[in-house]
């Protein structure tokens, strides 16, 4: 929904200019408003990764994995991380009945 809203906001002003030009209005293409509408069209391509980064956790995890691999520090899988944390909790508190994994879910 947010991606669609961003698309509408970025493209609508430019398309209004083209529609007005199509129906016969004389449009001044040297006007700053027209140039701003073009900047919004280009900005649409730039805002999508930021929207994904802000809203979608799977995208965030993918970016973290990519950055860790590019930096030479391969990230252990989520299962390996959970097993290590659960084992540490069980050893440090053997009477603890319920443990939590890295996402905060009860096991």
Protein backbone atom coordinates (compact mmCIF):
# COMPACT_ATOMS: atom_id res chain seq x y z
CA UNK A 1 0.00 0.00 0.00
CA UNK A 2 2.78 2.44 0.89
CA UNK A 3 4.64 1.63 -2.32
CA UNK A 4 1.49 2.38 -4.34
CA UNK A 5 0.93 5.62 -2.44
CA UNK A 6 4.51 6.68 -3.14
CA UNK A 7 4.00 5.90 -6.82
CA UNK A 8 0.84 8.01 -7.01
CA UNK A 9 2.42 10.94 -5.18
CA UNK A 10 5.55 10.90 -7.32
CA UNK A 11 3.91 10.44 -10.72
CA UNK A 12 0.62 12.34 -10.43
CA UNK A 13 1.92 15.88 -10.91
CA UNK A 14 3.91 14.93 -14.00
CA UNK A 15 1.00 13.05 -15.51
CA UNK A 16 -1.29 16.03 -14.90
CA UNK A 17 1.13 18.16 -16.94
CA UNK A 18 1.07 15.64 -19.78
CA UNK A 19 -2.71 15.33 -19.65
CA UNK A 20 -3.17 19.10 -19.80
CA UNK A 21 -0.75 19.26 -22.71
CA UNK A 22 -2.65 16.45 -24.46
CA UNK A 23 -6.02 18.21 -24.22
CA UNK A 24 -4.59 21.38 -25.70
CA UNK A 25 -3.41 23.60 -22.86
CA UNK A 26 -0.19 25.47 -23.45
CA UNK A 27 2.27 24.15 -20.86
CA UNK A 28 5.43 26.05 -19.99
CA UNK A 29 8.07 23.31 -19.80
CA UNK A 30 10.66 25.72 -18.43
CA UNK A 31 8.59 26.35 -15.29
CA UNK A 32 10.11 25.19 -11.99
CA UNK A 33 6.91 23.26 -11.15
CA UNK A 34 7.34 21.13 -14.27
CA UNK A 35 10.98 20.43 -13.37
CA UNK A 36 9.92 19.55 -9.83
CA UNK A 37 7.41 17.05 -11.22
CA UNK A 38 10.24 15.40 -13.16
CA UNK A 39 12.38 15.24 -10.02
CA UNK A 40 9.49 13.49 -8.25
CA UNK A 41 9.31 10.92 -11.06
CA UNK A 42 13.02 10.14 -10.61
CA UNK A 43 12.62 10.14 -6.84
CA UNK A 44 10.05 7.34 -7.15
CA UNK A 45 12.83 4.96 -8.16
CA UNK A 46 14.92 6.03 -5.19
CA UNK A 47 12.30 5.83 -2.45
CA UNK A 48 11.27 2.20 -2.94
CA UNK A 49 14.34 0.66 -1.23
CA UNK A 50 13.82 2.98 1.74
CA UNK A 51 10.15 2.00 1.99
CA UNK A 52 11.10 -1.69 1.89
CA UNK A 53 13.82 -1.17 4.49
CA UNK A 54 11.44 0.62 6.82
CA UNK A 55 8.43 -1.68 6.47
CA UNK A 56 9.41 -5.23 5.54
CA UNK A 57 11.34 -7.35 8.04
CA UNK A 58 12.27 -9.98 5.43
CA UNK A 59 13.93 -7.27 3.34
CA UNK A 60 15.79 -6.04 6.44
CA UNK A 61 17.06 -9.56 7.18
CA UNK A 62 18.16 -9.98 3.57
CA UNK A 63 20.11 -6.72 3.64
CA UNK A 64 21.79 -7.70 6.90
CA UNK A 65 22.80 -11.07 5.42
CA UNK A 66 24.12 -9.43 2.28
CA UNK A 67 26.15 -6.85 4.20
CA UNK A 68 27.59 -9.47 6.53
CA UNK A 69 28.61 -11.67 3.60
CA UNK A 70 30.18 -8.75 1.74
CA UNK A 71 32.13 -7.77 4.85
CA UNK A 72 33.56 -11.30 5.13
CA UNK A 73 31.67 -12.25 8.28
CA UNK A 74 29.14 -14.88 7.24
CA UNK A 75 26.15 -14.71 9.54
CA UNK A 76 25.12 -18.02 11.13
CA UNK A 77 21.67 -19.22 10.25
CA UNK A 78 18.73 -18.32 12.50
CA UNK A 79 18.51 -21.95 13.69
CA UNK A 80 22.14 -21.98 14.77
CA UNK A 81 21.71 -18.72 16.68
CA UNK A 82 18.62 -20.04 18.48
CA UNK A 83 20.32 -23.28 19.49
CA UNK A 84 23.32 -21.44 20.94
CA UNK A 85 21.16 -19.06 22.96
CA UNK A 86 18.86 -21.83 24.22
CA UNK A 87 21.85 -23.95 25.28
CA UNK A 88 23.40 -21.03 27.17
CA UNK A 89 20.13 -20.35 29.00
CA UNK A 90 19.65 -24.00 29.96
CA UNK A 91 23.21 -24.34 31.27
CA UNK A 92 23.12 -21.08 33.21
CA UNK A 93 19.70 -21.79 34.75
CA UNK A 94 18.89 -25.51 34.75
CA UNK A 95 15.55 -25.04 36.57
CA UNK A 96 14.26 -22.61 33.93
CA UNK A 97 11.26 -24.39 32.34
CA UNK A 98 10.71 -22.15 29.33
CA UNK A 99 13.48 -20.69 27.25
CA UNK A 100 13.26 -17.95 24.67
CA UNK A 101 14.87 -17.88 21.26
CA UNK A 102 16.34 -14.75 19.62
CA UNK A 103 12.94 -13.52 18.41
CA UNK A 104 11.45 -13.53 21.90
CA UNK A 105 9.13 -16.48 21.24
CA UNK A 106 8.74 -19.04 23.97
CA UNK A 107 10.03 -22.52 23.11
